[in-house]
């Protein structure tokens, strides 16, 4: 007759699986964030150049481009999700 496993017996395997998966997930998420941030920065510069060429004062174009770029900051993301209130 086969012995039934209890949840307590499975717990170490579950914890070990999580410990193995989490660092890789964190690394992949971090790399995607950095790649997206780099693209956003490049696009913000391009937008700023276009606004200046279109006749917008440089100071205002820079301010608008900076505002666009700040949308993806970790702090702003945390504020929007309600995780960080400071």
C-alpha atoms as a PDB file:
ATOM      1  CA  UNK A   1       0.000   0.000   0.000  1.00  0.00           C
ATOM      2  CA  UNK A   2       1.276   3.446  -0.942  1.00  0.00           C
ATOM      3  CA  UNK A   3       1.714   6.040   1.794  1.00  0.00           C
ATOM      4  CA  UNK A   4      -0.070   9.375   1.254  1.00  0.00           C
ATOM      5  CA  UNK A   5       2.118  12.438   1.552  1.00  0.00           C
ATOM      6  CA  UNK A   6       1.069  15.290   3.763  1.00  0.00           C
ATOM      7  CA  UNK A   7       1.533  18.965   3.029  1.00  0.00           C
ATOM      8  CA  UNK A   8       4.255  19.162   5.668  1.00  0.00           C
ATOM      9  CA  UNK A   9       6.350  16.622   3.816  1.00  0.00           C
ATOM     10  CA  UNK A  10       6.055  18.631   0.577  1.00  0.00           C
ATOM     11  CA  UNK A  11       6.965  21.953   2.176  1.00  0.00           C
ATOM     12  CA  UNK A  12      10.788  21.617   1.948  1.00  0.00           C
ATOM     13  CA  UNK A  13      10.570  20.763  -1.754  1.00  0.00           C
ATOM     14  CA  UNK A  14       8.233  23.684  -2.404  1.00  0.00           C
ATOM     15  CA  UNK A  15      10.511  26.096  -0.543  1.00  0.00           C
ATOM     16  CA  UNK A  16      13.567  24.779  -2.402  1.00  0.00           C
ATOM     17  CA  UNK A  17      11.811  25.205  -5.754  1.00  0.00           C
ATOM     18  CA  UNK A  18      10.922  28.788  -4.914  1.00  0.00           C
ATOM     19  CA  UNK A  19      14.460  29.555  -3.749  1.00  0.00           C
ATOM     20  CA  UNK A  20      15.829  28.254  -7.064  1.00  0.00           C
ATOM     21  CA  UNK A  21      13.301  30.118  -9.253  1.00  0.00           C
ATOM     22  CA  UNK A  22      13.232  33.549  -7.577  1.00  0.00           C
ATOM     23  CA  UNK A  23      16.806  34.733  -8.296  1.00  0.00           C
ATOM     24  CA  UNK A  24      16.441  33.929 -12.004  1.00  0.00           C
ATOM     25  CA  UNK A  25      13.086  35.655 -12.175  1.00  0.00           C
ATOM     26  CA  UNK A  26      14.492  38.719 -10.416  1.00  0.00           C
ATOM     27  CA  UNK A  27      17.463  38.835 -12.759  1.00  0.00           C
ATOM     28  CA  UNK A  28      15.309  38.542 -15.884  1.00  0.00           C
ATOM     29  CA  UNK A  29      12.900  41.189 -14.601  1.00  0.00           C
ATOM     30  CA  UNK A  30      15.807  43.521 -13.836  1.00  0.00           C
ATOM     31  CA  UNK A  31      17.309  43.071 -17.284  1.00  0.00           C
ATOM     32  CA  UNK A  32      13.973  43.765 -18.987  1.00  0.00           C
ATOM     33  CA  UNK A  33      13.555  46.900 -16.847  1.00  0.00           C
ATOM     34  CA  UNK A  34      17.041  48.176 -17.722  1.00  0.00           C
ATOM     35  CA  UNK A  35      16.533  47.505 -21.433  1.00  0.00           C
ATOM     36  CA  UNK A  36      13.188  49.309 -21.378  1.00  0.00           C
ATOM     37  CA  UNK A  37      14.683  52.224 -19.430  1.00  0.00           C
ATOM     38  CA  UNK A  38      17.477  52.572 -22.014  1.00  0.00           C
ATOM     39  CA  UNK A  39      14.944  52.648 -24.869  1.00  0.00           C
ATOM     40  CA  UNK A  40      12.859  55.204 -22.997  1.00  0.00           C
ATOM     41  CA  UNK A  41      15.904  57.439 -22.471  1.00  0.00           C
ATOM     42  CA  UNK A  42      16.799  57.197 -26.159  1.00  0.00           C
ATOM     43  CA  UNK A  43      13.224  58.037 -27.165  1.00  0.00           C
ATOM     44  CA  UNK A  44      13.101  60.984 -24.747  1.00  0.00           C
ATOM     45  CA  UNK A  45      16.233  62.458 -26.379  1.00  0.00           C
ATOM     46  CA  UNK A  46      14.713  61.960 -29.815  1.00  0.00           C
ATOM     47  CA  UNK A  47      11.459  63.625 -28.751  1.00  0.00           C
ATOM     48  CA  UNK A  48      13.365  66.536 -27.235  1.00  0.00           C
ATOM     49  CA  UNK A  49      15.380  67.079 -30.429  1.00  0.00           C
ATOM     50  CA  UNK A  50      12.184  66.994 -32.476  1.00  0.00           C
ATOM     51  CA  UNK A  51      10.489  69.545 -30.224  1.00  0.00           C
ATOM     52  CA  UNK A  52      13.491  71.883 -30.415  1.00  0.00           C
ATOM     53  CA  UNK A  53      13.621  71.538 -34.206  1.00  0.00           C
ATOM     54  CA  UNK A  54       9.888  72.268 -34.243  1.00  0.00           C
ATOM     55  CA  UNK A  55      10.459  75.589 -32.505  1.00  0.00           C
ATOM     56  CA  UNK A  56       9.807  74.794 -28.832  1.00  0.00           C
ATOM     57  CA  UNK A  57      12.235  76.510 -26.434  1.00  0.00           C
ATOM     58  CA  UNK A  58      15.013  74.162 -25.307  1.00  0.00           C
ATOM     59  CA  UNK A  59      14.221  74.554 -21.612  1.00  0.00           C
ATOM     60  CA  UNK A  60      10.580  73.537 -22.093  1.00  0.00           C
ATOM     61  CA  UNK A  61      11.510  70.675 -24.446  1.00  0.00           C
ATOM     62  CA  UNK A  62      13.986  69.354 -21.895  1.00  0.00           C
ATOM     63  CA  UNK A  63      11.391  69.568 -19.119  1.00  0.00           C
ATOM     64  CA  UNK A  64       8.825  67.661 -21.193  1.00  0.00           C
ATOM     65  CA  UNK A  65      11.366  65.010 -22.206  1.00  0.00           C
ATOM     66  CA  UNK A  66      12.446  64.577 -18.569  1.00  0.00           C
ATOM     67  CA  UNK A  67       8.818  64.192 -17.531  1.00  0.00           C
ATOM     68  CA  UNK A  68       8.349  61.523 -20.200  1.00  0.00           C
ATOM     69  CA  UNK A  69      11.478  59.693 -19.040  1.00  0.00           C
ATOM     70  CA  UNK A  70      10.482  59.743 -15.359  1.00  0.00           C
ATOM     71  CA  UNK A  71       7.346  57.710 -16.064  1.00  0.00           C
ATOM     72  CA  UNK A  72       9.331  54.477 -15.833  1.00  0.00           C
ATOM     73  CA  UNK A  73      11.254  55.182 -12.633  1.00  0.00           C
ATOM     74  CA  UNK A  74      10.985  52.533  -9.924  1.00  0.00           C
ATOM     75  CA  UNK A  75       9.848  55.142  -7.416  1.00  0.00           C
ATOM     76  CA  UNK A  76       6.980  56.302  -9.665  1.00  0.00           C
ATOM     77  CA  UNK A  77       5.944  52.709 -10.360  1.00  0.00           C
ATOM     78  CA  UNK A  78       5.833  51.997  -6.634  1.00  0.00           C
ATOM     79  CA  UNK A  79       3.791  55.154  -5.986  1.00  0.00           C
ATOM     80  CA  UNK A  80       1.280  54.197  -8.687  1.00  0.00           C
ATOM     81  CA  UNK A  81       0.834  50.659  -7.355  1.00  0.00           C
ATOM     82  CA  UNK A  82       0.466  51.881  -3.781  1.00  0.00           C
ATOM     83  CA  UNK A  83       3.520  49.966  -2.494  1.00  0.00           C
ATOM     84  CA  UNK A  84       5.500  53.054  -1.556  1.00  0.00           C
ATOM     85  CA  UNK A  85       3.953  56.032   0.189  1.00  0.00           C
ATOM     86  CA  UNK A  86       6.742  58.433   0.868  1.00  0.00           C
END
